[in-house]
Amino acid sequence: MSNIDELKSTGLKATLPRLKILEIFQAGKQRHMTAEDVFRVLLEERSDIGLATVYRVLTQFEQAGLLNRNNFESGKAVYEINEGQHHDHLVCLDCGKVEEFYDAEIESRQQLVAKAKGFTIADHSLSIYAHCTKDPCPNRPAAGLRQHQLY
């Protein structure tokens, strides 16, 4: 399905800003993006699409089901393409990197906990906030500094 057809199937007109922003998400350079991230890419491409338009299009895409919105530790809305499959997130507290994962055992345990407490899960979102142990984590403080900050 072309981007034009994809937009039309959601009831949105295929305008240049919508097509360009959808293309940015589909290019896959960065899977989780804020409005500012999208705007930065547009500026790099010398596009004249403004930040207010980016916010408006992202909201329209979320309402149309093209994008999912998450609010991670930063407090900023982060968007990703809605691929229709559930997944959870690991968020690095040092650099903000987001990694997706799916674990059937975690999903099963959540169902059991909900049932034991008298609930049936309709939907859920799991975000785990952690310090990245991978090298290189570009914003990780020096080991001594982190230890000092904990006390």
N, C-alpha and C. Protein backbone atom coordinates (compact mmCIF):
# COMPACT_ATOMS: atom_id res chain seq x y z
N MET A 1 0.85 -1.17 0.00
CA MET A 1 0.00 0.00 0.00
C MET A 1 0.90 1.24 0.00
N SER A 2 0.63 2.17 -0.87
CA SER A 2 1.43 3.39 -0.93
C SER A 2 1.06 4.30 0.24
N ASN A 3 1.92 5.27 0.53
CA ASN A 3 1.64 6.22 1.61
C ASN A 3 0.36 6.99 1.36
N ILE A 4 0.12 7.34 0.11
CA ILE A 4 -1.11 8.07 -0.23
C ILE A 4 -2.32 7.20 0.10
N ASP A 5 -2.29 5.94 -0.31
CA ASP A 5 -3.39 5.02 -0.03
C ASP A 5 -3.55 4.79 1.47
N GLU A 6 -2.41 4.69 2.17
CA GLU A 6 -2.46 4.47 3.62
C GLU A 6 -3.14 5.63 4.32
N LEU A 7 -2.80 6.86 3.93
CA LEU A 7 -3.44 8.03 4.52
C LEU A 7 -4.92 8.07 4.18
N LYS A 8 -5.25 7.82 2.94
CA LYS A 8 -6.66 7.85 2.52
C LYS A 8 -7.47 6.79 3.25
N SER A 9 -6.89 5.63 3.52
CA SER A 9 -7.62 4.56 4.20
C SER A 9 -7.96 4.93 5.64
N THR A 10 -7.26 5.91 6.21
CA THR A 10 -7.56 6.38 7.56
C THR A 10 -8.47 7.59 7.56
N GLY A 11 -8.82 8.07 6.36
CA GLY A 11 -9.69 9.24 6.26
C GLY A 11 -8.94 10.56 6.19
N LEU A 12 -7.61 10.49 6.10
CA LEU A 12 -6.80 11.71 6.02
C LEU A 12 -6.43 12.00 4.57
N LYS A 13 -6.45 13.27 4.21
CA LYS A 13 -6.00 13.67 2.88
C LYS A 13 -4.48 13.54 2.81
N ALA A 14 -4.00 13.23 1.64
CA ALA A 14 -2.56 13.03 1.43
C ALA A 14 -1.89 14.37 1.13
N THR A 15 -1.69 15.17 2.19
CA THR A 15 -1.01 16.46 2.02
C THR A 15 0.50 16.24 2.08
N LEU A 16 1.26 17.20 1.57
CA LEU A 16 2.71 17.10 1.58
C LEU A 16 3.27 16.92 3.00
N PRO A 17 2.84 17.73 4.00
CA PRO A 17 3.38 17.52 5.35
C PRO A 17 3.08 16.12 5.89
N ARG A 18 1.87 15.62 5.68
CA ARG A 18 1.52 14.29 6.17
C ARG A 18 2.36 13.21 5.49
N LEU A 19 2.52 13.32 4.19
CA LEU A 19 3.32 12.33 3.45
C LEU A 19 4.77 12.36 3.92
N LYS A 20 5.31 13.54 4.11
CA LYS A 20 6.71 13.68 4.51
C LYS A 20 6.93 13.11 5.92
N ILE A 21 6.03 13.42 6.84
CA ILE A 21 6.19 12.95 8.22
C ILE A 21 6.01 11.44 8.29
N LEU A 22 5.07 10.89 7.54
CA LEU A 22 4.89 9.44 7.49
C LEU A 22 6.14 8.78 6.94
N GLU A 23 6.73 9.38 5.93
CA GLU A 23 7.96 8.86 5.33
C GLU A 23 9.11 8.84 6.34
N ILE A 24 9.20 9.87 7.17
CA ILE A 24 10.26 9.94 8.18
C ILE A 24 10.15 8.75 9.14
N PHE A 25 8.93 8.44 9.57
CA PHE A 25 8.75 7.29 10.47
C PHE A 25 9.03 5.98 9.76
N GLN A 26 8.65 5.88 8.51
CA GLN A 26 8.85 4.63 7.78
C GLN A 26 10.31 4.40 7.39
N ALA A 27 11.10 5.48 7.30
CA ALA A 27 12.51 5.36 6.92
C ALA A 27 13.29 4.55 7.96
N GLY A 28 12.81 4.55 9.21
CA GLY A 28 13.37 3.68 10.23
C GLY A 28 14.71 4.07 10.80
N LYS A 29 15.19 5.29 10.56
CA LYS A 29 16.47 5.70 11.14
C LYS A 29 16.36 5.75 12.66
N GLN A 30 15.22 6.21 13.15
CA GLN A 30 14.95 6.29 14.58
C GLN A 30 13.50 5.86 14.77
N ARG A 31 13.26 4.83 15.54
CA ARG A 31 11.91 4.27 15.66
C ARG A 31 11.01 5.08 16.58
N HIS A 32 11.53 5.59 17.67
CA HIS A 32 10.76 6.37 18.64
C HIS A 32 11.20 7.83 18.51
N MET A 33 10.25 8.70 18.14
CA MET A 33 10.61 10.09 17.87
C MET A 33 9.64 11.06 18.56
N THR A 34 10.20 12.15 19.08
CA THR A 34 9.38 13.25 19.58
C THR A 34 9.05 14.16 18.42
N ALA A 35 8.15 15.11 18.64
CA ALA A 35 7.84 16.10 17.61
C ALA A 35 9.10 16.87 17.23
N GLU A 36 9.93 17.15 18.22
CA GLU A 36 11.17 17.90 17.96
C GLU A 36 12.14 17.08 17.11
N ASP A 37 12.18 15.75 17.33
CA ASP A 37 13.02 14.88 16.51
C ASP A 37 12.57 14.94 15.05
N VAL A 38 11.26 14.85 14.83
CA VAL A 38 10.71 14.90 13.47
C VAL A 38 11.04 16.24 12.84
N PHE A 39 10.84 17.32 13.60
CA PHE A 39 11.12 18.66 13.10
C PHE A 39 12.59 18.81 12.72
N ARG A 40 13.49 18.24 13.54
CA ARG A 40 14.93 18.31 13.27
C ARG A 40 15.26 17.63 11.94
N VAL A 41 14.63 16.48 11.67
CA VAL A 41 14.85 15.79 10.40
C VAL A 41 14.35 16.65 9.25
N LEU A 42 13.20 17.27 9.43
CA LEU A 42 12.65 18.14 8.38
C LEU A 42 13.58 19.33 8.12
N LEU A 43 14.15 19.89 9.17
CA LEU A 43 15.09 21.00 8.99
C LEU A 43 16.34 20.55 8.24
N GLU A 44 16.84 19.35 8.58
CA GLU A 44 18.01 18.81 7.89
C GLU A 44 17.73 18.62 6.40
N GLU A 45 16.49 18.32 6.07
CA GLU A 45 16.09 18.12 4.68
C GLU A 45 15.65 19.43 4.02
N ARG A 46 15.82 20.52 4.74
CA ARG A 46 15.47 21.86 4.25
C ARG A 46 13.99 21.99 3.89
N SER A 47 13.17 21.32 4.67
CA SER A 47 11.72 21.39 4.48
C SER A 47 11.20 22.65 5.16
N ASP A 48 10.12 23.20 4.65
CA ASP A 48 9.55 24.40 5.25
C ASP A 48 8.33 24.06 6.12
N ILE A 49 8.23 22.83 6.58
CA ILE A 49 7.14 22.40 7.45
C ILE A 49 7.47 22.84 8.87
N GLY A 50 6.57 23.60 9.48
CA GLY A 50 6.80 24.16 10.80
C GLY A 50 6.52 23.19 11.93
N LEU A 51 7.02 23.55 13.11
CA LEU A 51 6.86 22.70 14.29
C LEU A 51 5.38 22.54 14.67
N ALA A 52 4.59 23.59 14.54
CA ALA A 52 3.16 23.49 14.86
C ALA A 52 2.47 22.48 13.94
N THR A 53 2.87 22.46 12.68
CA THR A 53 2.31 21.49 11.74
C THR A 53 2.72 20.07 12.13
N VAL A 54 3.96 19.90 12.56
CA VAL A 54 4.43 18.58 13.00
C VAL A 54 3.56 18.09 14.15
N TYR A 55 3.34 18.93 15.16
CA TYR A 55 2.50 18.55 16.30
C TYR A 55 1.09 18.17 15.84
N ARG A 56 0.53 18.97 14.95
CA ARG A 56 -0.82 18.73 14.46
C ARG A 56 -0.91 17.40 13.71
N VAL A 57 0.07 17.13 12.83
CA VAL A 57 0.07 15.90 12.05
C VAL A 57 0.28 14.68 12.95
N LEU A 58 1.16 14.78 13.93
CA LEU A 58 1.39 13.66 14.85
C LEU A 58 0.11 13.32 15.62
N THR A 59 -0.61 14.35 16.05
CA THR A 59 -1.88 14.14 16.75
C THR A 59 -2.90 13.48 15.82
N GLN A 60 -2.95 13.94 14.57
CA GLN A 60 -3.87 13.35 13.59
C GLN A 60 -3.51 11.89 13.32
N PHE A 61 -2.22 11.60 13.20
CA PHE A 61 -1.77 10.23 12.96
C PHE A 61 -2.10 9.32 14.15
N GLU A 62 -1.95 9.86 15.36
CA GLU A 62 -2.29 9.06 16.54
C GLU A 62 -3.79 8.77 16.55
N GLN A 63 -4.61 9.79 16.31
CA GLN A 63 -6.06 9.60 16.30
C GLN A 63 -6.51 8.64 15.21
N ALA A 64 -5.79 8.63 14.09
CA ALA A 64 -6.13 7.75 12.97
C ALA A 64 -5.59 6.34 13.17
N GLY A 65 -4.76 6.14 14.20
CA GLY A 65 -4.22 4.81 14.48
C GLY A 65 -2.94 4.49 13.73
N LEU A 66 -2.35 5.47 13.04
CA LEU A 66 -1.09 5.24 12.33
C LEU A 66 0.11 5.21 13.27
N LEU A 67 0.03 6.02 14.33
CA LEU A 67 1.13 6.11 15.30
C LEU A 67 0.62 5.80 16.70
N ASN A 68 1.51 5.28 17.52
CA ASN A 68 1.24 5.12 18.95
C ASN A 68 2.06 6.18 19.68
N ARG A 69 1.46 6.72 20.74
CA ARG A 69 2.16 7.71 21.55
C ARG A 69 2.48 7.12 22.91
N ASN A 70 3.71 7.37 23.38
CA ASN A 70 4.14 6.98 24.72
C ASN A 70 4.68 8.21 25.42
N ASN A 71 4.57 8.22 26.72
CA ASN A 71 5.17 9.29 27.52
C ASN A 71 6.17 8.62 28.45
N PHE A 72 7.43 8.67 28.06
CA PHE A 72 8.47 8.06 28.87
C PHE A 72 8.96 9.06 29.91
N GLU A 73 10.03 8.73 30.60
CA GLU A 73 10.56 9.50 31.72
C GLU A 73 10.78 10.98 31.39
N SER A 74 11.10 11.29 30.15
CA SER A 74 11.40 12.68 29.78
C SER A 74 10.18 13.59 29.89
N GLY A 75 9.00 12.99 29.91
CA GLY A 75 7.78 13.79 29.97
C GLY A 75 7.30 14.23 28.60
N LYS A 76 8.11 14.03 27.58
CA LYS A 76 7.72 14.40 26.22
C LYS A 76 7.02 13.22 25.55
N ALA A 77 6.06 13.53 24.71
CA ALA A 77 5.39 12.48 23.95
C ALA A 77 6.36 11.92 22.91
N VAL A 78 6.43 10.60 22.85
CA VAL A 78 7.29 9.90 21.90
C VAL A 78 6.38 9.04 21.03
N TYR A 79 6.56 9.13 19.72
CA TYR A 79 5.69 8.44 18.77
C TYR A 79 6.44 7.32 18.06
N GLU A 80 5.69 6.28 17.69
CA GLU A 80 6.23 5.19 16.89
C GLU A 80 5.13 4.68 15.99
N ILE A 81 5.51 4.06 14.88
CA ILE A 81 4.53 3.51 13.95
C ILE A 81 3.75 2.39 14.65
N ASN A 82 2.45 2.41 14.47
CA ASN A 82 1.58 1.37 15.03
C ASN A 82 1.59 0.18 14.08
N GLU A 83 2.28 -0.88 14.50
CA GLU A 83 2.36 -2.08 13.67
C GLU A 83 1.35 -3.14 14.11
N GLY A 84 0.53 -2.79 15.09
CA GLY A 84 -0.54 -3.69 15.50
C GLY A 84 -0.13 -4.81 16.42
N GLN A 85 1.14 -4.89 16.80
CA GLN A 85 1.61 -5.94 17.68
C GLN A 85 2.05 -5.33 19.00
N HIS A 86 1.63 -5.97 20.09
CA HIS A 86 2.00 -5.47 21.41
C HIS A 86 3.49 -5.68 21.69
N HIS A 87 4.09 -4.70 22.33
CA HIS A 87 5.46 -4.83 22.82
C HIS A 87 5.64 -3.89 24.00
N ASP A 88 6.67 -4.13 24.76
CA ASP A 88 6.99 -3.30 25.91
C ASP A 88 8.30 -2.55 25.63
N HIS A 89 8.69 -1.68 26.55
CA HIS A 89 9.85 -0.82 26.30
C HIS A 89 10.85 -0.84 27.45
N LEU A 90 12.12 -0.82 27.10
CA LEU A 90 13.23 -0.55 28.02
C LEU A 90 13.75 0.83 27.67
N VAL A 91 13.84 1.72 28.66
CA VAL A 91 14.26 3.10 28.42
C VAL A 91 15.52 3.38 29.21
N CYS A 92 16.58 3.80 28.52
CA CYS A 92 17.84 4.14 29.18
C CYS A 92 17.69 5.49 29.87
N LEU A 93 17.97 5.53 31.16
CA LEU A 93 17.88 6.77 31.93
C LEU A 93 19.05 7.71 31.65
N ASP A 94 20.10 7.18 31.02
CA ASP A 94 21.28 8.00 30.74
C ASP A 94 21.20 8.70 29.39
N CYS A 95 20.81 7.94 28.36
CA CYS A 95 20.82 8.54 27.01
C CYS A 95 19.43 8.62 26.38
N GLY A 96 18.42 8.02 27.02
CA GLY A 96 17.07 8.10 26.49
C GLY A 96 16.73 7.06 25.42
N LYS A 97 17.69 6.22 25.06
CA LYS A 97 17.46 5.20 24.04
C LYS A 97 16.32 4.29 24.49
N VAL A 98 15.45 3.94 23.55
CA VAL A 98 14.32 3.07 23.83
C VAL A 98 14.48 1.79 23.03
N GLU A 99 14.39 0.65 23.72
CA GLU A 99 14.44 -0.64 23.04
C GLU A 99 13.13 -1.36 23.30
N GLU A 100 12.61 -1.97 22.26
CA GLU A 100 11.36 -2.71 22.38
C GLU A 100 11.65 -4.17 22.68
N PHE A 101 10.73 -4.81 23.40
CA PHE A 101 10.84 -6.23 23.63
C PHE A 101 9.46 -6.83 23.87
N TYR A 102 9.37 -8.12 23.66
CA TYR A 102 8.16 -8.87 23.98
C TYR A 102 8.59 -10.11 24.73
N ASP A 103 7.96 -10.39 25.86
CA ASP A 103 8.28 -11.56 26.64
C ASP A 103 6.97 -12.23 27.05
N ALA A 104 6.72 -13.42 26.52
CA ALA A 104 5.47 -14.14 26.77
C ALA A 104 5.29 -14.44 28.26
N GLU A 105 6.38 -14.70 28.96
CA GLU A 105 6.29 -15.00 30.39
C GLU A 105 5.82 -13.78 31.18
N ILE A 106 6.34 -12.60 30.84
CA ILE A 106 5.90 -11.37 31.51
C ILE A 106 4.42 -11.14 31.22
N GLU A 107 4.01 -11.32 29.99
CA GLU A 107 2.61 -11.13 29.62
C GLU A 107 1.71 -12.08 30.40
N SER A 108 2.13 -13.33 30.52
CA SER A 108 1.36 -14.34 31.25
C SER A 108 1.25 -13.98 32.73
N ARG A 109 2.37 -13.56 33.32
CA ARG A 109 2.36 -13.18 34.74
C ARG A 109 1.43 -12.01 35.00
N GLN A 110 1.40 -11.04 34.09
CA GLN A 110 0.51 -9.89 34.25
C GLN A 110 -0.95 -10.34 34.26
N GLN A 111 -1.28 -11.28 33.38
CA GLN A 111 -2.64 -11.81 33.33
C GLN A 111 -3.00 -12.51 34.65
N LEU A 112 -2.06 -13.31 35.17
CA LEU A 112 -2.30 -14.02 36.43
C LEU A 112 -2.47 -13.06 37.60
N VAL A 113 -1.65 -12.03 37.66
CA VAL A 113 -1.74 -11.04 38.74
C VAL A 113 -3.08 -10.32 38.66
N ALA A 114 -3.46 -9.90 37.46
CA ALA A 114 -4.73 -9.20 37.29
C ALA A 114 -5.90 -10.09 37.72
N LYS A 115 -5.87 -11.35 37.29
CA LYS A 115 -6.94 -12.29 37.64
C LYS A 115 -7.02 -12.50 39.15
N ALA A 116 -5.87 -12.66 39.79
CA ALA A 116 -5.83 -12.86 41.24
C ALA A 116 -6.38 -11.65 42.00
N LYS A 117 -6.24 -10.47 41.41
CA LYS A 117 -6.72 -9.24 42.05
C LYS A 117 -8.14 -8.89 41.62
N GLY A 118 -8.75 -9.76 40.77
CA GLY A 118 -10.12 -9.53 40.34
C GLY A 118 -10.26 -8.59 39.15
N PHE A 119 -9.27 -8.58 38.28
CA PHE A 119 -9.30 -7.72 37.10
C PHE A 119 -9.14 -8.54 35.83
N THR A 120 -9.63 -7.99 34.75
CA THR A 120 -9.37 -8.51 33.41
C THR A 120 -8.69 -7.38 32.65
N ILE A 121 -7.50 -7.63 32.15
CA ILE A 121 -6.73 -6.58 31.48
C ILE A 121 -7.36 -6.26 30.12
N ALA A 122 -7.65 -4.98 29.91
CA ALA A 122 -8.15 -4.51 28.62
C ALA A 122 -6.98 -4.05 27.75
N ASP A 123 -6.00 -3.43 28.37
CA ASP A 123 -4.83 -2.93 27.67
C ASP A 123 -3.78 -2.64 28.73
N HIS A 124 -2.53 -2.60 28.31
CA HIS A 124 -1.48 -2.22 29.25
C HIS A 124 -0.26 -1.71 28.51
N SER A 125 0.56 -1.06 29.29
CA SER A 125 1.81 -0.53 28.77
C SER A 125 2.87 -0.74 29.83
N LEU A 126 3.96 -1.36 29.46
CA LEU A 126 5.06 -1.60 30.40
C LEU A 126 6.30 -0.90 29.89
N SER A 127 6.82 0.01 30.70
CA SER A 127 8.07 0.69 30.39
C SER A 127 9.00 0.47 31.56
N ILE A 128 10.16 -0.10 31.28
CA ILE A 128 11.16 -0.36 32.31
C ILE A 128 12.27 0.68 32.14
N TYR A 129 12.55 1.42 33.21
CA TYR A 129 13.57 2.47 33.18
C TYR A 129 14.83 1.91 33.82
N ALA A 130 15.93 2.00 33.10
CA ALA A 130 17.17 1.37 33.56
C ALA A 130 18.38 2.15 33.08
N HIS A 131 19.53 1.81 33.64
CA HIS A 131 20.79 2.39 33.17
C HIS A 131 21.41 1.40 32.19
N CYS A 132 21.73 1.88 31.02
CA CYS A 132 22.32 1.07 29.97
C CYS A 132 23.69 0.55 30.41
N THR A 133 23.95 -0.72 30.15
CA THR A 133 25.26 -1.29 30.47
C THR A 133 26.09 -1.50 29.22
N LYS A 134 25.53 -1.11 28.09
CA LYS A 134 26.23 -1.30 26.82
C LYS A 134 27.28 -0.21 26.62
N ASP A 135 28.32 -0.56 25.93
CA ASP A 135 29.30 0.45 25.53
C ASP A 135 29.14 0.67 24.05
N PRO A 136 29.14 1.85 23.58
CA PRO A 136 29.15 3.08 24.36
C PRO A 136 27.73 3.62 24.57
N CYS A 137 27.44 4.05 25.76
CA CYS A 137 26.21 4.78 26.04
C CYS A 137 26.64 6.25 26.07
N PRO A 138 26.27 7.04 25.07
CA PRO A 138 26.84 8.37 24.89
C PRO A 138 26.63 9.34 26.04
N ASN A 139 25.59 9.16 26.84
CA ASN A 139 25.33 10.12 27.91
C ASN A 139 25.51 9.54 29.30
N ARG A 140 26.12 8.36 29.40
CA ARG A 140 26.32 7.75 30.70
C ARG A 140 27.38 8.54 31.47
N PRO A 141 27.05 8.93 32.72
CA PRO A 141 28.07 9.62 33.51
C PRO A 141 29.19 8.65 33.89
N ALA A 142 30.32 9.21 34.21
CA ALA A 142 31.46 8.40 34.65
C ALA A 142 31.04 7.60 35.88
N ALA A 143 31.61 6.40 36.06
CA ALA A 143 31.22 5.50 37.15
C ALA A 143 31.32 6.19 38.51
N GLY A 144 32.39 6.92 38.74
CA GLY A 144 32.58 7.60 40.02
C GLY A 144 31.54 8.68 40.24
N LEU A 145 31.16 9.38 39.19
CA LEU A 145 30.18 10.45 39.30
C LEU A 145 28.81 9.87 39.63
N ARG A 146 28.43 8.75 38.98
CA ARG A 146 27.14 8.14 39.25
C ARG A 146 27.07 7.68 40.71
N GLN A 147 28.16 7.05 41.19
CA GLN A 147 28.18 6.56 42.55
C GLN A 147 28.04 7.75 43.51
N HIS A 148 28.72 8.84 43.23
CA HIS A 148 28.67 10.03 44.06
C HIS A 148 27.25 10.61 44.09
N GLN A 149 26.55 10.56 42.94
CA GLN A 149 25.21 11.13 42.86
C GLN A 149 24.20 10.31 43.67
N LEU A 150 24.49 9.04 43.93
CA LEU A 150 23.55 8.20 44.66
C LEU A 150 23.56 8.50 46.17
N TYR A 151 24.60 9.15 46.65
CA TYR A 151 24.71 9.41 48.09
C TYR A 151 24.42 10.83 48.43
